[in-house]
Amino acid sequence: MEILNIEGAEDTPKIILDKGNGIFEISGRSLPEDCAEFYKPVLEWIRSYSGDSNASTDFVFNLEYFNTASSKLILDILSALNDVKGTTVFWHYQEDDEDMMEAGEEYRDLVEMPFELKSY
């Protein structure tokens, strides 16, 4: 399975989905002009991966900020991950960032998989 590697920019997150090395991470800021188009390859990759996934998948979200349009796509990603057996989500946030902590708590309540919040 090909690695999906999207370099981050000022308004888009860095995304690396690497089955072979077990690296699954979205990090940075998410404010793309067209969220649906930006995240389309991510959703397609996860759907493909769900049919032939690793025994366990640790998916890391390490976002500094995301806009309202991105929040819907993050939920879509989490919903797609619900179909991947053995997935654990790690939601990283800065210790003093209550908004990101609360966002993680809300997402955790909406999915049915292990979901850990970690401050740094």
PDB file of N, CA and C in Angstrom:
ATOM      1  N   MET A   1       0.845  -1.176   0.000  1.00  0.00           N
ATOM      2  CA  MET A   1       0.000   0.000   0.000  1.00  0.00           C
ATOM      3  C   MET A   1       0.891   1.239   0.000  1.00  0.00           C
ATOM      4  N   GLU A   2       0.568   2.196  -0.862  1.00  0.00           N
ATOM      5  CA  GLU A   2       1.378   3.407  -0.971  1.00  0.00           C
ATOM      6  C   GLU A   2       1.253   4.285   0.257  1.00  0.00           C
ATOM      7  N   ILE A   3       2.342   4.964   0.557  1.00  0.00           N
ATOM      8  CA  ILE A   3       2.366   5.922   1.661  1.00  0.00           C
ATOM      9  C   ILE A   3       1.679   7.206   1.188  1.00  0.00           C
ATOM     10  N   LEU A   4       0.798   7.734   2.031  1.00  0.00           N
ATOM     11  CA  LEU A   4       0.209   9.045   1.758  1.00  0.00           C
ATOM     12  C   LEU A   4       0.976  10.045   2.608  1.00  0.00           C
ATOM     13  N   ASN A   5       1.669  10.968   1.957  1.00  0.00           N
ATOM     14  CA  ASN A   5       2.476  11.951   2.655  1.00  0.00           C
ATOM     15  C   ASN A   5       2.160  13.324   2.076  1.00  0.00           C
ATOM     16  N   ILE A   6       1.481  14.145   2.871  1.00  0.00           N
ATOM     17  CA  ILE A   6       1.122  15.496   2.456  1.00  0.00           C
ATOM     18  C   ILE A   6       1.896  16.458   3.352  1.00  0.00           C
ATOM     19  N   GLU A   7       2.734  17.260   2.727  1.00  0.00           N
ATOM     20  CA  GLU A   7       3.510  18.234   3.495  1.00  0.00           C
ATOM     21  C   GLU A   7       2.578  19.315   4.042  1.00  0.00           C
ATOM     22  N   GLY A   8       2.790  19.698   5.268  1.00  0.00           N
ATOM     23  CA  GLY A   8       1.990  20.745   5.870  1.00  0.00           C
ATOM     24  C   GLY A   8       2.370  22.119   5.336  1.00  0.00           C
ATOM     25  N   ALA A   9       1.430  23.029   5.443  1.00  0.00           N
ATOM     26  CA  ALA A   9       1.652  24.420   5.057  1.00  0.00           C
ATOM     27  C   ALA A   9       1.034  25.292   6.145  1.00  0.00           C
ATOM     28  N   GLU A  10       0.995  26.585   5.911  1.00  0.00           N
ATOM     29  CA  GLU A  10       0.458  27.489   6.928  1.00  0.00           C
ATOM     30  C   GLU A  10      -0.995  27.166   7.275  1.00  0.00           C
ATOM     31  N   ASP A  11      -1.772  26.749   6.264  1.00  0.00           N
ATOM     32  CA  ASP A  11      -3.197  26.504   6.499  1.00  0.00           C
ATOM     33  C   ASP A  11      -3.623  25.054   6.283  1.00  0.00           C
ATOM     34  N   THR A  12      -2.662  24.164   6.091  1.00  0.00           N
ATOM     35  CA  THR A  12      -3.000  22.740   5.920  1.00  0.00           C
ATOM     36  C   THR A  12      -2.080  21.887   6.784  1.00  0.00           C
ATOM     37  N   PRO A  13      -2.604  20.798   7.327  1.00  0.00           N
ATOM     38  CA  PRO A  13      -1.792  19.961   8.203  1.00  0.00           C
ATOM     39  C   PRO A  13      -0.850  19.041   7.438  1.00  0.00           C
ATOM     40  N   LYS A  14       0.181  18.602   8.137  1.00  0.00           N
ATOM     41  CA  LYS A  14       1.050  17.546   7.627  1.00  0.00           C
ATOM     42  C   LYS A  14       0.320  16.234   7.889  1.00  0.00           C
ATOM     43  N   ILE A  15       0.272  15.389   6.880  1.00  0.00           N
ATOM     44  CA  ILE A  15      -0.409  14.102   7.015  1.00  0.00           C
ATOM     45  C   ILE A  15       0.527  13.021   6.519  1.00  0.00           C
ATOM     46  N   ILE A  16       0.736  12.020   7.353  1.00  0.00           N
ATOM     47  CA  ILE A  16       1.491  10.854   6.916  1.00  0.00           C
ATOM     48  C   ILE A  16       0.721   9.607   7.323  1.00  0.00           C
ATOM     49  N   LEU A  17       0.432   8.794   6.324  1.00  0.00           N
ATOM     50  CA  LEU A  17      -0.244   7.517   6.528  1.00  0.00           C
ATOM     51  C   LEU A  17       0.663   6.468   5.904  1.00  0.00           C
ATOM     52  N   ASP A  18       1.355   5.724   6.754  1.00  0.00           N
ATOM     53  CA  ASP A  18       2.388   4.794   6.321  1.00  0.00           C
ATOM     54  C   ASP A  18       2.145   3.443   6.977  1.00  0.00           C
ATOM     55  N   LYS A  19       1.480   2.559   6.276  1.00  0.00           N
ATOM     56  CA  LYS A  19       1.150   1.236   6.810  1.00  0.00           C
ATOM     57  C   LYS A  19       2.408   0.457   7.174  1.00  0.00           C
ATOM     58  N   GLY A  20       3.402   0.471   6.302  1.00  0.00           N
ATOM     59  CA  GLY A  20       4.609  -0.321   6.500  1.00  0.00           C
ATOM     60  C   GLY A  20       5.363   0.027   7.770  1.00  0.00           C
ATOM     61  N   ASN A  21       5.445   1.302   8.093  1.00  0.00           N
ATOM     62  CA  ASN A  21       6.159   1.744   9.290  1.00  0.00           C
ATOM     63  C   ASN A  21       5.229   2.002  10.466  1.00  0.00           C
ATOM     64  N   GLY A  22       3.936   1.808  10.277  1.00  0.00           N
ATOM     65  CA  GLY A  22       2.972   1.998  11.356  1.00  0.00           C
ATOM     66  C   GLY A  22       2.848   3.433  11.814  1.00  0.00           C
ATOM     67  N   ILE A  23       2.982   4.381  10.878  1.00  0.00           N
ATOM     68  CA  ILE A  23       2.878   5.805  11.217  1.00  0.00           C
ATOM     69  C   ILE A  23       1.584   6.361  10.618  1.00  0.00           C
ATOM     70  N   PHE A  24       0.732   6.874  11.480  1.00  0.00           N
ATOM     71  CA  PHE A  24      -0.555   7.436  11.055  1.00  0.00           C
ATOM     72  C   PHE A  24      -0.742   8.728  11.846  1.00  0.00           C
ATOM     73  N   GLU A  25      -0.516   9.878  11.194  1.00  0.00           N
ATOM     74  CA  GLU A  25      -0.558  11.134  11.943  1.00  0.00           C
ATOM     75  C   GLU A  25      -1.049  12.298  11.088  1.00  0.00           C
ATOM     76  N   ILE A  26      -1.843  13.138  11.740  1.00  0.00           N
ATOM     77  CA  ILE A  26      -2.275  14.413  11.170  1.00  0.00           C
ATOM     78  C   ILE A  26      -1.849  15.476  12.173  1.00  0.00           C
ATOM     79  N   SER A  27      -1.022  16.434  11.729  1.00  0.00           N
ATOM     80  CA  SER A  27      -0.502  17.421  12.665  1.00  0.00           C
ATOM     81  C   SER A  27      -0.413  18.809  12.024  1.00  0.00           C
ATOM     82  N   GLY A  28      -0.538  19.813  12.873  1.00  0.00           N
ATOM     83  CA  GLY A  28      -0.421  21.190  12.410  1.00  0.00           C
ATOM     84  C   GLY A  28      -1.735  21.936  12.483  1.00  0.00           C
ATOM     85  N   ARG A  29      -1.944  22.794  11.504  1.00  0.00           N
ATOM     86  CA  ARG A  29      -3.154  23.618  11.446  1.00  0.00           C
ATOM     87  C   ARG A  29      -4.004  23.178  10.260  1.00  0.00           C
ATOM     88  N   SER A  30      -5.317  23.112  10.454  1.00  0.00           N
ATOM     89  CA  SER A  30      -6.213  22.671   9.379  1.00  0.00           C
ATOM     90  C   SER A  30      -7.223  23.758   9.059  1.00  0.00           C
ATOM     91  N   LEU A  31      -6.899  24.528   7.985  1.00  0.00           N
ATOM     92  CA  LEU A  31      -7.784  25.591   7.510  1.00  0.00           C
ATOM     93  C   LEU A  31      -7.819  25.596   5.983  1.00  0.00           C
ATOM     94  N   PRO A  32      -7.889  24.428   5.340  1.00  0.00           N
ATOM     95  CA  PRO A  32      -7.855  24.440   3.875  1.00  0.00           C
ATOM     96  C   PRO A  32      -9.087  25.131   3.299  1.00  0.00           C
ATOM     97  N   GLU A  33      -8.913  25.739   2.125  1.00  0.00           N
ATOM     98  CA  GLU A  33     -10.039  26.424   1.486  1.00  0.00           C
ATOM     99  C   GLU A  33     -11.158  25.453   1.152  1.00  0.00           C
ATOM    100  N   ASP A  34     -10.799  24.272   0.647  1.00  0.00           N
ATOM    101  CA  ASP A  34     -11.788  23.255   0.306  1.00  0.00           C
ATOM    102  C   ASP A  34     -11.470  21.997   1.106  1.00  0.00           C
ATOM    103  N   CYS A  35     -12.046  21.919   2.308  1.00  0.00           N
ATOM    104  CA  CYS A  35     -11.743  20.809   3.215  1.00  0.00           C
ATOM    105  C   CYS A  35     -12.077  19.453   2.607  1.00  0.00           C
ATOM    106  N   ALA A  36     -13.227  19.359   1.976  1.00  0.00           N
ATOM    107  CA  ALA A  36     -13.650  18.075   1.414  1.00  0.00           C
ATOM    108  C   ALA A  36     -12.635  17.580   0.393  1.00  0.00           C
ATOM    109  N   GLU A  37     -12.164  18.479  -0.450  1.00  0.00           N
ATOM    110  CA  GLU A  37     -11.185  18.098  -1.472  1.00  0.00           C
ATOM    111  C   GLU A  37      -9.831  17.770  -0.837  1.00  0.00           C
ATOM    112  N   PHE A  38      -9.430  18.551   0.152  1.00  0.00           N
ATOM    113  CA  PHE A  38      -8.140  18.326   0.796  1.00  0.00           C
ATOM    114  C   PHE A  38      -8.099  16.955   1.485  1.00  0.00           C
ATOM    115  N   TYR A  39      -9.175  16.612   2.199  1.00  0.00           N
ATOM    116  CA  TYR A  39      -9.181  15.367   2.978  1.00  0.00           C
ATOM    117  C   TYR A  39      -9.659  14.146   2.184  1.00  0.00           C
ATOM    118  N   LYS A  40     -10.099  14.347   0.955  1.00  0.00           N
ATOM    119  CA  LYS A  40     -10.591  13.227   0.138  1.00  0.00           C
ATOM    120  C   LYS A  40      -9.571  12.095   0.026  1.00  0.00           C
ATOM    121  N   PRO A  41      -8.286  12.373  -0.307  1.00  0.00           N
ATOM    122  CA  PRO A  41      -7.331  11.260  -0.401  1.00  0.00           C
ATOM    123  C   PRO A  41      -7.089  10.562   0.939  1.00  0.00           C
ATOM    124  N   VAL A  42      -7.235  11.286   2.038  1.00  0.00           N
ATOM    125  CA  VAL A  42      -7.066  10.685   3.366  1.00  0.00           C
ATOM    126  C   VAL A  42      -8.181   9.669   3.610  1.00  0.00           C
ATOM    127  N   LEU A  43      -9.411  10.086   3.342  1.00  0.00           N
ATOM    128  CA  LEU A  43     -10.548   9.183   3.540  1.00  0.00           C
ATOM    129  C   LEU A  43     -10.456   7.968   2.618  1.00  0.00           C
ATOM    130  N   GLU A  44     -10.055   8.188   1.375  1.00  0.00           N
ATOM    131  CA  GLU A  44      -9.901   7.073   0.440  1.00  0.00           C
ATOM    132  C   GLU A  44      -8.818   6.116   0.924  1.00  0.00           C
ATOM    133  N   TRP A  45      -7.714   6.648   1.425  1.00  0.00           N
ATOM    134  CA  TRP A  45      -6.616   5.819   1.915  1.00  0.00           C
ATOM    135  C   TRP A  45      -7.086   4.976   3.093  1.00  0.00           C
ATOM    136  N   ILE A  46      -7.786   5.600   4.044  1.00  0.00           N
ATOM    137  CA  ILE A  46      -8.258   4.863   5.233  1.00  0.00           C
ATOM    138  C   ILE A  46      -9.248   3.781   4.827  1.00  0.00           C
ATOM    139  N   ARG A  47     -10.135   4.076   3.900  1.00  0.00           N
ATOM    140  CA  ARG A  47     -11.100   3.053   3.456  1.00  0.00           C
ATOM    141  C   ARG A  47     -10.378   1.873   2.811  1.00  0.00           C
ATOM    142  N   SER A  48      -9.373   2.159   2.021  1.00  0.00           N
ATOM    143  CA  SER A  48      -8.582   1.093   1.409  1.00  0.00           C
ATOM    144  C   SER A  48      -7.819   0.317   2.477  1.00  0.00           C
ATOM    145  N   TYR A  49      -7.238   1.022   3.411  1.00  0.00           N
ATOM    146  CA  TYR A  49      -6.471   0.411   4.500  1.00  0.00           C
ATOM    147  C   TYR A  49      -7.349  -0.478   5.372  1.00  0.00           C
ATOM    148  N   SER A  50      -8.600  -0.105   5.564  1.00  0.00           N
ATOM    149  CA  SER A  50      -9.484  -0.880   6.440  1.00  0.00           C
ATOM    150  C   SER A  50      -9.672  -2.316   5.939  1.00  0.00           C
ATOM    151  N   GLY A  51      -9.515  -2.533   4.634  1.00  0.00           N
ATOM    152  CA  GLY A  51      -9.645  -3.881   4.082  1.00  0.00           C
ATOM    153  C   GLY A  51      -8.406  -4.734   4.276  1.00  0.00           C
ATOM    154  N   ASP A  52      -7.285  -4.114   4.614  1.00  0.00           N
ATOM    155  CA  ASP A  52      -6.024  -4.845   4.783  1.00  0.00           C
ATOM    156  C   ASP A  52      -5.160  -4.102   5.799  1.00  0.00           C
ATOM    157  N   SER A  53      -5.680  -3.947   7.014  1.00  0.00           N
ATOM    158  CA  SER A  53      -5.006  -3.132   8.024  1.00  0.00           C
ATOM    159  C   SER A  53      -3.983  -3.939   8.819  1.00  0.00           C
ATOM    160  N   ASN A  54      -3.106  -3.210   9.502  1.00  0.00           N
ATOM    161  CA  ASN A  54      -2.179  -3.826  10.446  1.00  0.00           C
ATOM    162  C   ASN A  54      -2.978  -4.395  11.615  1.00  0.00           C
ATOM    163  N   ALA A  55      -2.351  -5.246  12.401  1.00  0.00           N
ATOM    164  CA  ALA A  55      -3.022  -5.829  13.570  1.00  0.00           C
ATOM    165  C   ALA A  55      -3.447  -4.734  14.548  1.00  0.00           C
ATOM    166  N   SER A  56      -2.620  -3.688  14.659  1.00  0.00           N
ATOM    167  CA  SER A  56      -3.004  -2.545  15.494  1.00  0.00           C
ATOM    168  C   SER A  56      -2.598  -1.263  14.769  1.00  0.00           C
ATOM    169  N   THR A  57      -3.382  -0.224  15.006  1.00  0.00           N
ATOM    170  CA  THR A  57      -3.156   1.070  14.358  1.00  0.00           C
ATOM    171  C   THR A  57      -3.266   2.155  15.414  1.00  0.00           C
ATOM    172  N   ASP A  58      -2.183   2.885  15.626  1.00  0.00           N
ATOM    173  CA  ASP A  58      -2.197   4.044  16.516  1.00  0.00           C
ATOM    174  C   ASP A  58      -2.266   5.288  15.645  1.00  0.00           C
ATOM    175  N   PHE A  59      -3.426   5.943  15.646  1.00  0.00           N
ATOM    176  CA  PHE A  59      -3.652   7.109  14.795  1.00  0.00           C
ATOM    177  C   PHE A  59      -3.537   8.354  15.660  1.00  0.00           C
ATOM    178  N   VAL A  60      -2.604   9.230  15.313  1.00  0.00           N
ATOM    179  CA  VAL A  60      -2.301  10.410  16.127  1.00  0.00           C
ATOM    180  C   VAL A  60      -2.848  11.675  15.463  1.00  0.00           C
ATOM    181  N   PHE A  61      -3.598  12.431  16.255  1.00  0.00           N
ATOM    182  CA  PHE A  61      -4.000  13.783  15.871  1.00  0.00           C
ATOM    183  C   PHE A  61      -3.194  14.727  16.748  1.00  0.00           C
ATOM    184  N   ASN A  62      -2.439  15.604  16.135  1.00  0.00           N
ATOM    185  CA  ASN A  62      -1.634  16.570  16.868  1.00  0.00           C
ATOM    186  C   ASN A  62      -1.873  17.937  16.225  1.00  0.00           C
ATOM    187  N   LEU A  63      -3.094  18.411  16.363  1.00  0.00           N
ATOM    188  CA  LEU A  63      -3.505  19.642  15.697  1.00  0.00           C
ATOM    189  C   LEU A  63      -3.398  20.840  16.641  1.00  0.00           C
ATOM    190  N   GLU A  64      -2.859  21.922  16.109  1.00  0.00           N
ATOM    191  CA  GLU A  64      -2.783  23.179  16.864  1.00  0.00           C
ATOM    192  C   GLU A  64      -4.109  23.919  16.779  1.00  0.00           C
ATOM    193  N   TYR A  65      -4.741  23.809  15.606  1.00  0.00           N
ATOM    194  CA  TYR A  65      -5.991  24.534  15.368  1.00  0.00           C
ATOM    195  C   TYR A  65      -6.685  23.918  14.165  1.00  0.00           C
ATOM    196  N   PHE A  66      -8.014  23.907  14.189  1.00  0.00           N
ATOM    197  CA  PHE A  66      -8.768  23.538  12.993  1.00  0.00           C
ATOM    198  C   PHE A  66     -10.040  24.370  12.946  1.00  0.00           C
ATOM    199  N   ASN A  67     -10.494  24.652  11.720  1.00  0.00           N
ATOM    200  CA  ASN A  67     -11.704  25.461  11.552  1.00  0.00           C
ATOM    201  C   ASN A  67     -12.939  24.564  11.558  1.00  0.00           C
ATOM    202  N   THR A  68     -14.091  25.201  11.487  1.00  0.00           N
ATOM    203  CA  THR A  68     -15.351  24.463  11.558  1.00  0.00           C
ATOM    204  C   THR A  68     -15.495  23.463  10.424  1.00  0.00           C
ATOM    205  N   ALA A  69     -15.105  23.854   9.217  1.00  0.00           N
ATOM    206  CA  ALA A  69     -15.206  22.931   8.080  1.00  0.00           C
ATOM    207  C   ALA A  69     -14.321  21.703   8.306  1.00  0.00           C
ATOM    208  N   SER A  70     -13.149  21.905   8.878  1.00  0.00           N
ATOM    209  CA  SER A  70     -12.256  20.782   9.157  1.00  0.00           C
ATOM    210  C   SER A  70     -12.835  19.851  10.214  1.00  0.00           C
ATOM    211  N   SER A  71     -13.582  20.410  11.169  1.00  0.00           N
ATOM    212  CA  SER A  71     -14.121  19.570  12.249  1.00  0.00           C
ATOM    213  C   SER A  71     -15.028  18.472  11.702  1.00  0.00           C
ATOM    214  N   LYS A  72     -15.789  18.768  10.671  1.00  0.00           N
ATOM    215  CA  LYS A  72     -16.656  17.764  10.048  1.00  0.00           C
ATOM    216  C   LYS A  72     -15.823  16.667   9.392  1.00  0.00           C
ATOM    217  N   LEU A  73     -14.741  17.066   8.717  1.00  0.00           N
ATOM    218  CA  LEU A  73     -13.890  16.083   8.051  1.00  0.00           C
ATOM    219  C   LEU A  73     -13.109  15.250   9.060  1.00  0.00           C
ATOM    220  N   ILE A  74     -12.735  15.836  10.182  1.00  0.00           N
ATOM    221  CA  ILE A  74     -12.081  15.064  11.238  1.00  0.00           C
ATOM    222  C   ILE A  74     -13.036  13.991  11.743  1.00  0.00           C
ATOM    223  N   LEU A  75     -14.296  14.359  11.914  1.00  0.00           N
ATOM    224  CA  LEU A  75     -15.288  13.366  12.328  1.00  0.00           C
ATOM    225  C   LEU A  75     -15.448  12.279  11.262  1.00  0.00           C
ATOM    226  N   ASP A  76     -15.418  12.653   9.991  1.00  0.00           N
ATOM    227  CA  ASP A  76     -15.483  11.660   8.919  1.00  0.00           C
ATOM    228  C   ASP A  76     -14.292  10.702   8.983  1.00  0.00           C
ATOM    229  N   ILE A  77     -13.115  11.244   9.273  1.00  0.00           N
ATOM    230  CA  ILE A  77     -11.917  10.404   9.402  1.00  0.00           C
ATOM    231  C   ILE A  77     -12.077   9.446  10.580  1.00  0.00           C
ATOM    232  N   LEU A  78     -12.537   9.963  11.697  1.00  0.00           N
ATOM    233  CA  LEU A  78     -12.748   9.105  12.864  1.00  0.00           C
ATOM    234  C   LEU A  78     -13.785   8.030  12.578  1.00  0.00           C
ATOM    235  N   SER A  79     -14.845   8.384  11.855  1.00  0.00           N
ATOM    236  CA  SER A  79     -15.865   7.392  11.496  1.00  0.00           C
ATOM    237  C   SER A  79     -15.272   6.301  10.616  1.00  0.00           C
ATOM    238  N   ALA A  80     -14.413   6.692   9.667  1.00  0.00           N
ATOM    239  CA  ALA A  80     -13.750   5.705   8.812  1.00  0.00           C
ATOM    240  C   ALA A  80     -12.823   4.822   9.645  1.00  0.00           C
ATOM    241  N   LEU A  81     -12.151   5.404  10.633  1.00  0.00           N
ATOM    242  CA  LEU A  81     -11.260   4.624  11.498  1.00  0.00           C
ATOM    243  C   LEU A  81     -12.022   3.643  12.373  1.00  0.00           C
ATOM    244  N   ASN A  82     -13.299   3.941  12.654  1.00  0.00           N
ATOM    245  CA  ASN A  82     -14.127   3.006  13.409  1.00  0.00           C
ATOM    246  C   ASN A  82     -14.184   1.642  12.725  1.00  0.00           C
ATOM    247  N   ASP A  83     -14.035   1.621  11.395  1.00  0.00           N
ATOM    248  CA  ASP A  83     -14.098   0.376  10.631  1.00  0.00           C
ATOM    249  C   ASP A  83     -12.764  -0.357  10.584  1.00  0.00           C
ATOM    250  N   VAL A  84     -11.712   0.233  11.146  1.00  0.00           N
ATOM    251  CA  VAL A  84     -10.387  -0.389  11.139  1.00  0.00           C
ATOM    252  C   VAL A  84     -10.181  -1.085  12.483  1.00  0.00           C
ATOM    253  N   LYS A  85     -10.171  -2.401  12.460  1.00  0.00           N
ATOM    254  CA  LYS A  85     -10.012  -3.163  13.699  1.00  0.00           C
ATOM    255  C   LYS A  85      -8.656  -2.852  14.345  1.00  0.00           C
ATOM    256  N   GLY A  86      -8.648  -2.770  15.671  1.00  0.00           N
ATOM    257  CA  GLY A  86      -7.410  -2.565  16.402  1.00  0.00           C
ATOM    258  C   GLY A  86      -6.893  -1.140  16.406  1.00  0.00           C
ATOM    259  N   THR A  87      -7.767  -0.175  16.112  1.00  0.00           N
ATOM    260  CA  THR A  87      -7.328   1.223  16.073  1.00  0.00           C
ATOM    261  C   THR A  87      -7.473   1.882  17.436  1.00  0.00           C
ATOM    262  N   THR A  88      -6.443   2.630  17.807  1.00  0.00           N
ATOM    263  CA  THR A  88      -6.481   3.511  18.971  1.00  0.00           C
ATOM    264  C   THR A  88      -6.159   4.910  18.475  1.00  0.00           C
ATOM    265  N   VAL A  89      -6.960   5.883  18.882  1.00  0.00           N
ATOM    266  CA  VAL A  89      -6.727   7.275  18.517  1.00  0.00           C
ATOM    267  C   VAL A  89      -6.026   7.963  19.682  1.00  0.00           C
ATOM    268  N   PHE A  90      -4.992   8.727  19.348  1.00  0.00           N
ATOM    269  CA  PHE A  90      -4.286   9.543  20.327  1.00  0.00           C
ATOM    270  C   PHE A  90      -4.482  11.000  19.933  1.00  0.00           C
ATOM    271  N   TRP A  91      -5.158  11.738  20.782  1.00  0.00           N
ATOM    272  CA  TRP A  91      -5.456  13.151  20.532  1.00  0.00           C
ATOM    273  C   TRP A  91      -4.495  13.977  21.386  1.00  0.00           C
ATOM    274  N   HIS A  92      -3.498  14.566  20.760  1.00  0.00           N
ATOM    275  CA  HIS A  92      -2.498  15.363  21.464  1.00  0.00           C
ATOM    276  C   HIS A  92      -2.905  16.835  21.430  1.00  0.00           C
ATOM    277  N   TYR A  93      -2.674  17.528  22.533  1.00  0.00           N
ATOM    278  CA  TYR A  93      -2.987  18.945  22.602  1.00  0.00           C
ATOM    279  C   TYR A  93      -2.046  19.609  23.608  1.00  0.00           C
ATOM    280  N   GLN A  94      -1.814  20.907  23.413  1.00  0.00           N
ATOM    281  CA  GLN A  94      -0.970  21.636  24.355  1.00  0.00           C
ATOM    282  C   GLN A  94      -1.686  21.718  25.692  1.00  0.00           C
ATOM    283  N   GLU A  95      -0.917  21.580  26.751  1.00  0.00           N
ATOM    284  CA  GLU A  95      -1.474  21.496  28.094  1.00  0.00           C
ATOM    285  C   GLU A  95      -2.439  22.633  28.423  1.00  0.00           C
ATOM    286  N   ASP A  96      -2.155  23.839  27.931  1.00  0.00           N
ATOM    287  CA  ASP A  96      -2.994  24.986  28.268  1.00  0.00           C
ATOM    288  C   ASP A  96      -4.068  25.287  27.212  1.00  0.00           C
ATOM    289  N   ASP A  97      -4.264  24.377  26.267  1.00  0.00           N
ATOM    290  CA  ASP A  97      -5.241  24.599  25.192  1.00  0.00           C
ATOM    291  C   ASP A  97      -6.546  23.850  25.494  1.00  0.00           C
ATOM    292  N   GLU A  98      -7.417  24.515  26.249  1.00  0.00           N
ATOM    293  CA  GLU A  98      -8.668  23.882  26.663  1.00  0.00           C
ATOM    294  C   GLU A  98      -9.590  23.587  25.481  1.00  0.00           C
ATOM    295  N   ASP A  99      -9.567  24.438  24.452  1.00  0.00           N
ATOM    296  CA  ASP A  99     -10.421  24.209  23.290  1.00  0.00           C
ATOM    297  C   ASP A  99     -10.078  22.896  22.599  1.00  0.00           C
ATOM    298  N   MET A 100      -8.791  22.632  22.407  1.00  0.00           N
ATOM    299  CA  MET A 100      -8.389  21.384  21.747  1.00  0.00           C
ATOM    300  C   MET A 100      -8.665  20.178  22.638  1.00  0.00           C
ATOM    301  N   MET A 101      -8.501  20.350  23.942  1.00  0.00           N
ATOM    302  CA  MET A 101      -8.818  19.267  24.866  1.00  0.00           C
ATOM    303  C   MET A 101     -10.312  18.934  24.789  1.00  0.00           C
ATOM    304  N   GLU A 102     -11.146  19.969  24.820  1.00  0.00           N
ATOM    305  CA  GLU A 102     -12.590  19.757  24.768  1.00  0.00           C
ATOM    306  C   GLU A 102     -13.018  19.161  23.428  1.00  0.00           C
ATOM    307  N   ALA A 103     -12.369  19.577  22.345  1.00  0.00           N
ATOM    308  CA  ALA A 103     -12.680  18.995  21.038  1.00  0.00           C
ATOM    309  C   ALA A 103     -12.380  17.502  21.057  1.00  0.00           C
ATOM    310  N   GLY A 104     -11.240  17.137  21.622  1.00  0.00           N
ATOM    311  CA  GLY A 104     -10.887  15.721  21.732  1.00  0.00           C
ATOM    312  C   GLY A 104     -11.898  14.952  22.560  1.00  0.00           C
ATOM    313  N   GLU A 105     -12.349  15.545  23.661  1.00  0.00           N
ATOM    314  CA  GLU A 105     -13.348  14.888  24.508  1.00  0.00           C
ATOM    315  C   GLU A 105     -14.646  14.675  23.743  1.00  0.00           C
ATOM    316  N   GLU A 106     -15.048  15.673  22.959  1.00  0.00           N
ATOM    317  CA  GLU A 106     -16.279  15.541  22.179  1.00  0.00           C
ATOM    318  C   GLU A 106     -16.153  14.446  21.124  1.00  0.00           C
ATOM    319  N   TYR A 107     -15.014  14.415  20.420  1.00  0.00           N
ATOM    320  CA  TYR A 107     -14.811  13.361  19.424  1.00  0.00           C
ATOM    321  C   TYR A 107     -14.786  11.986  20.099  1.00  0.00           C
ATOM    322  N   ARG A 108     -14.128  11.894  21.247  1.00  0.00           N
ATOM    323  CA  ARG A 108     -14.040  10.618  21.968  1.00  0.00           C
ATOM    324  C   ARG A 108     -15.431  10.080  22.279  1.00  0.00           C
ATOM    325  N   ASP A 109     -16.348  10.972  22.609  1.00  0.00           N
ATOM    326  CA  ASP A 109     -17.712  10.556  22.938  1.00  0.00           C
ATOM    327  C   ASP A 109     -18.501  10.098  21.713  1.00  0.00           C
ATOM    328  N   LEU A 110     -18.028  10.443  20.519  1.00  0.00           N
ATOM    329  CA  LEU A 110     -18.773  10.123  19.292  1.00  0.00           C
ATOM    330  C   LEU A 110     -18.296   8.845  18.606  1.00  0.00           C
ATOM    331  N   VAL A 111     -17.183   8.291  19.045  1.00  0.00           N
ATOM    332  CA  VAL A 111     -16.653   7.100  18.379  1.00  0.00           C
ATOM    333  C   VAL A 111     -16.634   5.915  19.336  1.00  0.00           C
ATOM    334  N   GLU A 112     -16.525   4.741  18.754  1.00  0.00           N
ATOM    335  CA  GLU A 112     -16.526   3.519  19.554  1.00  0.00           C
ATOM    336  C   GLU A 112     -15.217   2.777  19.365  1.00  0.00           C
ATOM    337  N   MET A 113     -14.140   3.438  19.793  1.00  0.00           N
ATOM    338  CA  MET A 113     -12.815   2.824  19.748  1.00  0.00           C
ATOM    339  C   MET A 113     -11.986   3.465  20.851  1.00  0.00           C
ATOM    340  N   PRO A 114     -10.901   2.829  21.241  1.00  0.00           N
ATOM    341  CA  PRO A 114     -10.039   3.458  22.240  1.00  0.00           C
ATOM    342  C   PRO A 114      -9.578   4.834  21.767  1.00  0.00           C
ATOM    343  N   PHE A 115      -9.655   5.810  22.646  1.00  0.00           N
ATOM    344  CA  PHE A 115      -9.378   7.210  22.302  1.00  0.00           C
ATOM    345  C   PHE A 115      -8.723   7.854  23.507  1.00  0.00           C
ATOM    346  N   GLU A 116      -7.444   8.171  23.383  1.00  0.00           N
ATOM    347  CA  GLU A 116      -6.700   8.730  24.500  1.00  0.00           C
ATOM    348  C   GLU A 116      -6.342  10.191  24.247  1.00  0.00           C
ATOM    349  N   LEU A 117      -6.566  11.024  25.262  1.00  0.00           N
ATOM    350  CA  LEU A 117      -6.168  12.417  25.195  1.00  0.00           C
ATOM    351  C   LEU A 117      -4.840  12.569  25.925  1.00  0.00           C
ATOM    352  N   LYS A 118      -3.898  13.251  25.273  1.00  0.00           N
ATOM    353  CA  LYS A 118      -2.566  13.423  25.856  1.00  0.00           C
ATOM    354  C   LYS A 118      -2.145  14.880  25.705  1.00  0.00           C
ATOM    355  N   SER A 119      -1.812  15.497  26.838  1.00  0.00           N
ATOM    356  CA  SER A 119      -1.308  16.872  26.781  1.00  0.00           C
ATOM    357  C   SER A 119       0.218  16.847  26.767  1.00  0.00           C
ATOM    358  N   TYR A 120       0.781  17.895  26.234  1.00  0.00           N
ATOM    359  CA  TYR A 120       2.244  18.029  26.217  1.00  0.00           C
ATOM    360  C   TYR A 120       2.657  19.431  26.590  1.00  0.00           C
TER     361      TYR A 120
END
